[in-house]
Amino acid sequence: MKYSFHVEGMTCEHCEKAVVRALRQLDRDVQVVADRTQNKVEVESSASAQDITQAIVDEGYKVVA
């Protein structure tokens, strides 16, 4: 499934990499693009939206819609 998340709190490249790393731990075949300038994370994964959201939140970021 493809998902798009508005994520607050990503301020640097390290933040983007942290989100990507967390999602790869959830699903090693995930396709993910984290863009701090647009506060957006685009994900294609077999994981559920709820699990993806939780992985992002667990990294310390806020998922808004």
PDB file of N, CA and C in Angstrom:
ATOM      1  N   MET A   1       0.839  -1.185   0.000  1.00  0.00           N
ATOM      2  CA  MET A   1       0.000   0.000   0.000  1.00  0.00           C
ATOM      3  C   MET A   1       0.884   1.250   0.000  1.00  0.00           C
ATOM      4  N   LYS A   2       0.345   2.303  -0.589  1.00  0.00           N
ATOM      5  CA  LYS A   2       1.032   3.594  -0.586  1.00  0.00           C
ATOM      6  C   LYS A   2       0.356   4.509   0.424  1.00  0.00           C
ATOM      7  N   TYR A   3       1.180   5.208   1.179  1.00  0.00           N
ATOM      8  CA  TYR A   3       0.691   6.131   2.194  1.00  0.00           C
ATOM      9  C   TYR A   3       1.460   7.438   2.103  1.00  0.00           C
ATOM     10  N   SER A   4       0.806   8.500   2.532  1.00  0.00           N
ATOM     11  CA  SER A   4       1.454   9.798   2.654  1.00  0.00           C
ATOM     12  C   SER A   4       1.126  10.349   4.035  1.00  0.00           C
ATOM     13  N   PHE A   5       2.155  10.763   4.751  1.00  0.00           N
ATOM     14  CA  PHE A   5       1.974  11.267   6.106  1.00  0.00           C
ATOM     15  C   PHE A   5       2.544  12.673   6.219  1.00  0.00           C
ATOM     16  N   HIS A   6       1.828  13.536   6.940  1.00  0.00           N
ATOM     17  CA  HIS A   6       2.345  14.850   7.307  1.00  0.00           C
ATOM     18  C   HIS A   6       3.024  14.655   8.657  1.00  0.00           C
ATOM     19  N   VAL A   7       4.319  14.923   8.714  1.00  0.00           N
ATOM     20  CA  VAL A   7       5.103  14.646   9.918  1.00  0.00           C
ATOM     21  C   VAL A   7       5.767  15.934  10.395  1.00  0.00           C
ATOM     22  N   GLU A   8       5.499  16.292  11.641  1.00  0.00           N
ATOM     23  CA  GLU A   8       6.102  17.482  12.232  1.00  0.00           C
ATOM     24  C   GLU A   8       7.314  17.098  13.065  1.00  0.00           C
ATOM     25  N   GLY A   9       8.323  17.959  13.046  1.00  0.00           N
ATOM     26  CA  GLY A   9       9.494  17.765  13.894  1.00  0.00           C
ATOM     27  C   GLY A   9      10.757  17.359  13.161  1.00  0.00           C
ATOM     28  N   MET A  10      10.648  17.037  11.876  1.00  0.00           N
ATOM     29  CA  MET A  10      11.851  16.711  11.100  1.00  0.00           C
ATOM     30  C   MET A  10      12.509  18.031  10.701  1.00  0.00           C
ATOM     31  N   THR A  11      13.710  18.282  11.214  1.00  0.00           N
ATOM     32  CA  THR A  11      14.353  19.567  10.967  1.00  0.00           C
ATOM     33  C   THR A  11      15.674  19.468  10.212  1.00  0.00           C
ATOM     34  N   CYS A  12      16.166  18.238  10.023  1.00  0.00           N
ATOM     35  CA  CYS A  12      17.475  18.090   9.382  1.00  0.00           C
ATOM     36  C   CYS A  12      17.555  16.746   8.656  1.00  0.00           C
ATOM     37  N   GLU A  13      18.656  16.551   7.974  1.00  0.00           N
ATOM     38  CA  GLU A  13      18.866  15.301   7.238  1.00  0.00           C
ATOM     39  C   GLU A  13      18.893  14.103   8.186  1.00  0.00           C
ATOM     40  N   HIS A  14      19.456  14.296   9.362  1.00  0.00           N
ATOM     41  CA  HIS A  14      19.486  13.210  10.356  1.00  0.00           C
ATOM     42  C   HIS A  14      18.068  12.769  10.710  1.00  0.00           C
ATOM     43  N   CYS A  15      17.158  13.719  10.839  1.00  0.00           N
ATOM     44  CA  CYS A  15      15.757  13.393  11.141  1.00  0.00           C
ATOM     45  C   CYS A  15      15.154  12.534  10.030  1.00  0.00           C
ATOM     46  N   GLU A  16      15.396  12.932   8.793  1.00  0.00           N
ATOM     47  CA  GLU A  16      14.885  12.156   7.661  1.00  0.00           C
ATOM     48  C   GLU A  16      15.435  10.732   7.702  1.00  0.00           C
ATOM     49  N   LYS A  17      16.733  10.608   7.948  1.00  0.00           N
ATOM     50  CA  LYS A  17      17.359   9.283   7.990  1.00  0.00           C
ATOM     51  C   LYS A  17      16.821   8.446   9.141  1.00  0.00           C
ATOM     52  N   ALA A  18      16.515   9.075  10.269  1.00  0.00           N
ATOM     53  CA  ALA A  18      15.972   8.347  11.417  1.00  0.00           C
ATOM     54  C   ALA A  18      14.614   7.746  11.077  1.00  0.00           C
ATOM     55  N   VAL A  19      13.783   8.504  10.373  1.00  0.00           N
ATOM     56  CA  VAL A  19      12.466   8.007   9.973  1.00  0.00           C
ATOM     57  C   VAL A  19      12.628   6.857   8.983  1.00  0.00           C
ATOM     58  N   VAL A  20      13.481   7.029   7.998  1.00  0.00           N
ATOM     59  CA  VAL A  20      13.712   5.974   7.006  1.00  0.00           C
ATOM     60  C   VAL A  20      14.224   4.707   7.688  1.00  0.00           C
ATOM     61  N   ARG A  21      15.174   4.855   8.584  1.00  0.00           N
ATOM     62  CA  ARG A  21      15.744   3.708   9.297  1.00  0.00           C
ATOM     63  C   ARG A  21      14.670   2.986  10.120  1.00  0.00           C
ATOM     64  N   ALA A  22      13.832   3.730  10.806  1.00  0.00           N
ATOM     65  CA  ALA A  22      12.770   3.122  11.618  1.00  0.00           C
ATOM     66  C   ALA A  22      11.796   2.342  10.747  1.00  0.00           C
ATOM     67  N   LEU A  23      11.462   2.890   9.589  1.00  0.00           N
ATOM     68  CA  LEU A  23      10.516   2.204   8.709  1.00  0.00           C
ATOM     69  C   LEU A  23      11.155   0.981   8.059  1.00  0.00           C
ATOM     70  N   ARG A  24      12.448   1.019   7.811  1.00  0.00           N
ATOM     71  CA  ARG A  24      13.140  -0.159   7.262  1.00  0.00           C
ATOM     72  C   ARG A  24      13.209  -1.283   8.290  1.00  0.00           C
ATOM     73  N   GLN A  25      13.254  -0.925   9.569  1.00  0.00           N
ATOM     74  CA  GLN A  25      13.225  -1.948  10.612  1.00  0.00           C
ATOM     75  C   GLN A  25      11.852  -2.609  10.668  1.00  0.00           C
ATOM     76  N   LEU A  26      10.826  -1.844  10.356  1.00  0.00           N
ATOM     77  CA  LEU A  26       9.462  -2.357  10.341  1.00  0.00           C
ATOM     78  C   LEU A  26       9.232  -3.254   9.125  1.00  0.00           C
ATOM     79  N   ASP A  27       9.739  -2.827   7.966  1.00  0.00           N
ATOM     80  CA  ASP A  27       9.556  -3.553   6.704  1.00  0.00           C
ATOM     81  C   ASP A  27      10.812  -3.335   5.861  1.00  0.00           C
ATOM     82  N   ARG A  28      11.638  -4.356   5.751  1.00  0.00           N
ATOM     83  CA  ARG A  28      12.918  -4.175   5.057  1.00  0.00           C
ATOM     84  C   ARG A  28      12.762  -3.877   3.573  1.00  0.00           C
ATOM     85  N   ASP A  29      11.596  -4.143   2.996  1.00  0.00           N
ATOM     86  CA  ASP A  29      11.355  -3.867   1.580  1.00  0.00           C
ATOM     87  C   ASP A  29      10.622  -2.548   1.350  1.00  0.00           C
ATOM     88  N   VAL A  30      10.492  -1.748   2.379  1.00  0.00           N
ATOM     89  CA  VAL A  30       9.752  -0.490   2.291  1.00  0.00           C
ATOM     90  C   VAL A  30      10.410   0.452   1.280  1.00  0.00           C
ATOM     91  N   GLN A  31       9.588   1.207   0.607  1.00  0.00           N
ATOM     92  CA  GLN A  31      10.043   2.317  -0.228  1.00  0.00           C
ATOM     93  C   GLN A  31       9.593   3.576   0.508  1.00  0.00           C
ATOM     94  N   VAL A  32      10.531   4.433   0.864  1.00  0.00           N
ATOM     95  CA  VAL A  32      10.177   5.599   1.678  1.00  0.00           C
ATOM     96  C   VAL A  32      10.986   6.814   1.256  1.00  0.00           C
ATOM     97  N   VAL A  33      10.302   7.954   1.237  1.00  0.00           N
ATOM     98  CA  VAL A  33      10.943   9.242   0.994  1.00  0.00           C
ATOM     99  C   VAL A  33      10.489  10.176   2.110  1.00  0.00           C
ATOM    100  N   ALA A  34      11.446  10.644   2.899  1.00  0.00           N
ATOM    101  CA  ALA A  34      11.157  11.604   3.963  1.00  0.00           C
ATOM    102  C   ALA A  34      11.659  12.966   3.501  1.00  0.00           C
ATOM    103  N   ASP A  35      10.794  13.978   3.548  1.00  0.00           N
ATOM    104  CA  ASP A  35      11.136  15.319   3.075  1.00  0.00           C
ATOM    105  C   ASP A  35      10.836  16.328   4.175  1.00  0.00           C
ATOM    106  N   ARG A  36      11.884  16.769   4.859  1.00  0.00           N
ATOM    107  CA  ARG A  36      11.705  17.702   5.978  1.00  0.00           C
ATOM    108  C   ARG A  36      11.209  19.063   5.520  1.00  0.00           C
ATOM    109  N   THR A  37      11.527  19.467   4.290  1.00  0.00           N
ATOM    110  CA  THR A  37      11.115  20.786   3.818  1.00  0.00           C
ATOM    111  C   THR A  37       9.614  20.869   3.595  1.00  0.00           C
ATOM    112  N   GLN A  38       8.994  19.731   3.316  1.00  0.00           N
ATOM    113  CA  GLN A  38       7.546  19.692   3.114  1.00  0.00           C
ATOM    114  C   GLN A  38       6.827  18.982   4.258  1.00  0.00           C
ATOM    115  N   ASN A  39       7.586  18.573   5.270  1.00  0.00           N
ATOM    116  CA  ASN A  39       7.012  17.831   6.408  1.00  0.00           C
ATOM    117  C   ASN A  39       6.214  16.631   5.927  1.00  0.00           C
ATOM    118  N   LYS A  40       6.780  15.911   4.974  1.00  0.00           N
ATOM    119  CA  LYS A  40       6.050  14.811   4.353  1.00  0.00           C
ATOM    120  C   LYS A  40       6.886  13.541   4.348  1.00  0.00           C
ATOM    121  N   VAL A  41       6.203  12.413   4.577  1.00  0.00           N
ATOM    122  CA  VAL A  41       6.830  11.103   4.440  1.00  0.00           C
ATOM    123  C   VAL A  41       5.938  10.274   3.529  1.00  0.00           C
ATOM    124  N   GLU A  42       6.490   9.858   2.395  1.00  0.00           N
ATOM    125  CA  GLU A  42       5.786   9.016   1.432  1.00  0.00           C
ATOM    126  C   GLU A  42       6.279   7.587   1.623  1.00  0.00           C
ATOM    127  N   VAL A  43       5.336   6.659   1.761  1.00  0.00           N
ATOM    128  CA  VAL A  43       5.695   5.282   2.086  1.00  0.00           C
ATOM    129  C   VAL A  43       4.944   4.306   1.192  1.00  0.00           C
ATOM    130  N   GLU A  44       5.655   3.311   0.697  1.00  0.00           N
ATOM    131  CA  GLU A  44       5.030   2.161   0.052  1.00  0.00           C
ATOM    132  C   GLU A  44       5.516   0.940   0.820  1.00  0.00           C
ATOM    133  N   SER A  45       4.559   0.248   1.466  1.00  0.00           N
ATOM    134  CA  SER A  45       4.934  -0.828   2.376  1.00  0.00           C
ATOM    135  C   SER A  45       3.791  -1.808   2.552  1.00  0.00           C
ATOM    136  N   SER A  46       4.145  -3.015   2.964  1.00  0.00           N
ATOM    137  CA  SER A  46       3.124  -4.002   3.313  1.00  0.00           C
ATOM    138  C   SER A  46       2.649  -3.808   4.752  1.00  0.00           C
ATOM    139  N   ALA A  47       3.333  -2.965   5.516  1.00  0.00           N
ATOM    140  CA  ALA A  47       2.931  -2.676   6.896  1.00  0.00           C
ATOM    141  C   ALA A  47       1.670  -1.814   6.903  1.00  0.00           C
ATOM    142  N   SER A  48       0.942  -1.870   7.990  1.00  0.00           N
ATOM    143  CA  SER A  48      -0.286  -1.081   8.114  1.00  0.00           C
ATOM    144  C   SER A  48       0.047   0.384   8.387  1.00  0.00           C
ATOM    145  N   ALA A  49      -0.896   1.261   8.068  1.00  0.00           N
ATOM    146  CA  ALA A  49      -0.727   2.688   8.340  1.00  0.00           C
ATOM    147  C   ALA A  49      -0.510   2.920   9.829  1.00  0.00           C
ATOM    148  N   GLN A  50      -1.201   2.157  10.652  1.00  0.00           N
ATOM    149  CA  GLN A  50      -1.064   2.293  12.105  1.00  0.00           C
ATOM    150  C   GLN A  50       0.354   1.934  12.553  1.00  0.00           C
ATOM    151  N   ASP A  51       0.908   0.850  12.023  1.00  0.00           N
ATOM    152  CA  ASP A  51       2.266   0.444  12.390  1.00  0.00           C
ATOM    153  C   ASP A  51       3.300   1.453  11.898  1.00  0.00           C
ATOM    154  N   ILE A  52       3.088   1.991  10.713  1.00  0.00           N
ATOM    155  CA  ILE A  52       4.001   3.003  10.170  1.00  0.00           C
ATOM    156  C   ILE A  52       3.948   4.258  11.029  1.00  0.00           C
ATOM    157  N   THR A  53       2.736   4.687  11.357  1.00  0.00           N
ATOM    158  CA  THR A  53       2.571   5.860  12.213  1.00  0.00           C
ATOM    159  C   THR A  53       3.281   5.657  13.541  1.00  0.00           C
ATOM    160  N   GLN A  54       3.099   4.499  14.146  1.00  0.00           N
ATOM    161  CA  GLN A  54       3.724   4.225  15.443  1.00  0.00           C
ATOM    162  C   GLN A  54       5.243   4.244  15.344  1.00  0.00           C
ATOM    163  N   ALA A  55       5.792   3.713  14.269  1.00  0.00           N
ATOM    164  CA  ALA A  55       7.246   3.717  14.087  1.00  0.00           C
ATOM    165  C   ALA A  55       7.778   5.150  13.995  1.00  0.00           C
ATOM    166  N   ILE A  56       7.045   6.019  13.316  1.00  0.00           N
ATOM    167  CA  ILE A  56       7.449   7.425  13.194  1.00  0.00           C
ATOM    168  C   ILE A  56       7.350   8.117  14.552  1.00  0.00           C
ATOM    169  N   VAL A  57       6.256   7.893  15.257  1.00  0.00           N
ATOM    170  CA  VAL A  57       6.055   8.480  16.586  1.00  0.00           C
ATOM    171  C   VAL A  57       7.132   7.995  17.556  1.00  0.00           C
ATOM    172  N   ASP A  58       7.474   6.724  17.477  1.00  0.00           N
ATOM    173  CA  ASP A  58       8.503   6.164  18.358  1.00  0.00           C
ATOM    174  C   ASP A  58       9.863   6.825  18.147  1.00  0.00           C
ATOM    175  N   GLU A  59      10.079   7.406  16.973  1.00  0.00           N
ATOM    176  CA  GLU A  59      11.318   8.139  16.702  1.00  0.00           C
ATOM    177  C   GLU A  59      11.262   9.565  17.239  1.00  0.00           C
ATOM    178  N   GLY A  60      10.099   9.981  17.743  1.00  0.00           N
ATOM    179  CA  GLY A  60       9.979  11.302  18.358  1.00  0.00           C
ATOM    180  C   GLY A  60       9.322  12.360  17.496  1.00  0.00           C
ATOM    181  N   TYR A  61       8.671  11.949  16.428  1.00  0.00           N
ATOM    182  CA  TYR A  61       8.022  12.897  15.525  1.00  0.00           C
ATOM    183  C   TYR A  61       6.512  12.791  15.645  1.00  0.00           C
ATOM    184  N   LYS A  62       5.826  13.842  15.248  1.00  0.00           N
ATOM    185  CA  LYS A  62       4.369  13.889  15.356  1.00  0.00           C
ATOM    186  C   LYS A  62       3.760  13.689  13.973  1.00  0.00           C
ATOM    187  N   VAL A  63       2.886  12.703  13.864  1.00  0.00           N
ATOM    188  CA  VAL A  63       2.177  12.452  12.611  1.00  0.00           C
ATOM    189  C   VAL A  63       0.840  13.175  12.683  1.00  0.00           C
ATOM    190  N   VAL A  64       0.611  14.062  11.716  1.00  0.00           N
ATOM    191  CA  VAL A  64      -0.619  14.845  11.666  1.00  0.00           C
ATOM    192  C   VAL A  64      -1.365  14.445  10.406  1.00  0.00           C
ATOM    193  N   ALA A  65      -2.439  13.727  10.554  1.00  0.00           N
ATOM    194  CA  ALA A  65      -3.289  13.265   9.446  1.00  0.00           C
ATOM    195  C   ALA A  65      -2.570  12.457   8.411  1.00  0.00           C
TER     196      ALA A  65
END
